[in-house]
């Protein structure tokens, strides 16, 4: 019995020891087949991964460790996969073809570092090596920017939309007198001014009002000839028929001569009735208006070529508005226009375009457009500044904010946001500019997202990529 007990204890010890040895062997073997690999990456550029700590070659930030990942060749199979701290790969790493100097894209390097000019080398990835320009935009390339950088750059977008192209053109102008309503007062004979009845510029005059009187020796002689012809006619009326007709013709010739010198019918009748010449002949205003110019001085000698007064009828005035040549095609003769004045902003005057100047001012690059306005109240005065608005409906079309369109001098372009940080440069053909929007005739479809903020930064990135890609070929 004693021997049996001792043998049982020895057998139990041997079995336990063997199990322990086998377990240790299996554990050691399992750990030998699952080595751990420590990786490091840049927080700002997660696509850069390194086997050892250091600085990011793109931005210079310290690399941070990534949670340990099992080697792909020794990763556990079946149920063991994904257990413990083993993380299956979820993101495809971007392949770097080479490194280049941003200022000298033709220089290539096999590893990151500093360029001779002191700048950090920039990586060129495999997916960026093909294509050097966007659709129809030479010198530009599509670019892809991480979300973190987009937020820091402040890139904003807006959809292209179909809208009413209601073109309201605003400009400024000056009120002037209607040139067709200006009367120039002068005599058709030599003489001397005897009296002045209208004394200053701006004085209101009425039609038929006396302006000045003039003494003309030649006119007095003509009046005497007319009086003699009247006396001869009276005597010849008692003679034969032929002599009587001759006297009538002589009187008519003298009367026509006075009429051609602008002697009024009333004055001729006065001469005929009184049979005395009028020494100081009075000149009357032919129109209603104001005196806009005066050169007449009492006692001065006047000639037929002298303009003594300008009388302007201001019941109708002109507004001469300056229209930029880019807007000239949208304004036609007969189009309505509204006028407002700075001193009376609540009042609006309505008129129509009556004339468009055929020439462009070489300094201001504007075209004068004439608008006719009624001015019976006299509130519109020459040389006043006025705000003019021309309105017109141009139909509907695709439009984008004016901040989205970048002019290069040779063409106009926009950046299209394709999603996931991808931006495509695209050349466009613009039309009219309406309320802060450009009509897009070609290049952008309704609903596409266009960049309206920080697009100049995308412009620089796109040019740089195109230069690098072009140097790689």
Foldseek 3Di string as FASTA:
>chain_A
DVVVVVVVVVVVVVVVVVVVVVVVVVVVVLVVLWDWQKKWADPVCRLDIDSDWDADLPPGHTIDIDQIETDPVRADDDPSHPPDRHDDDDDDRWAFPWWADLVDLLDTHRDWDADPVGHTTDTDTPVLLDDQAFVPDPLFDKDFDAPVVCVVLVWDKDFWAKDWQKAKDKFKWFWAFDPVFKDFDFFAAKWAWAFADDDDFFDWDAAFAWGTWTFGPVQQVLLLQLLVLLVLLVVCVPPDPVSNVVSVVSNVVSVVVCVVRVQDPVQNVVCNVVVHGDGIHTDGHRHTATWHDADDDHGDMGHRVDGGTMGGDVQKIKIWTWAAPLCVVVADFFFKKWKAAPVGRVDIFIWTWHDWDPDADPPPNTTITITMTGQNVVPRDGGGMMMMMTIDTDGMATKDFPLQWDDPPVFIWWWWDPDNRIIGIWTFDWDDQGPRITGTPDTDDGGIMTIRPSVVVVVVVRSSSSVSSVSVD
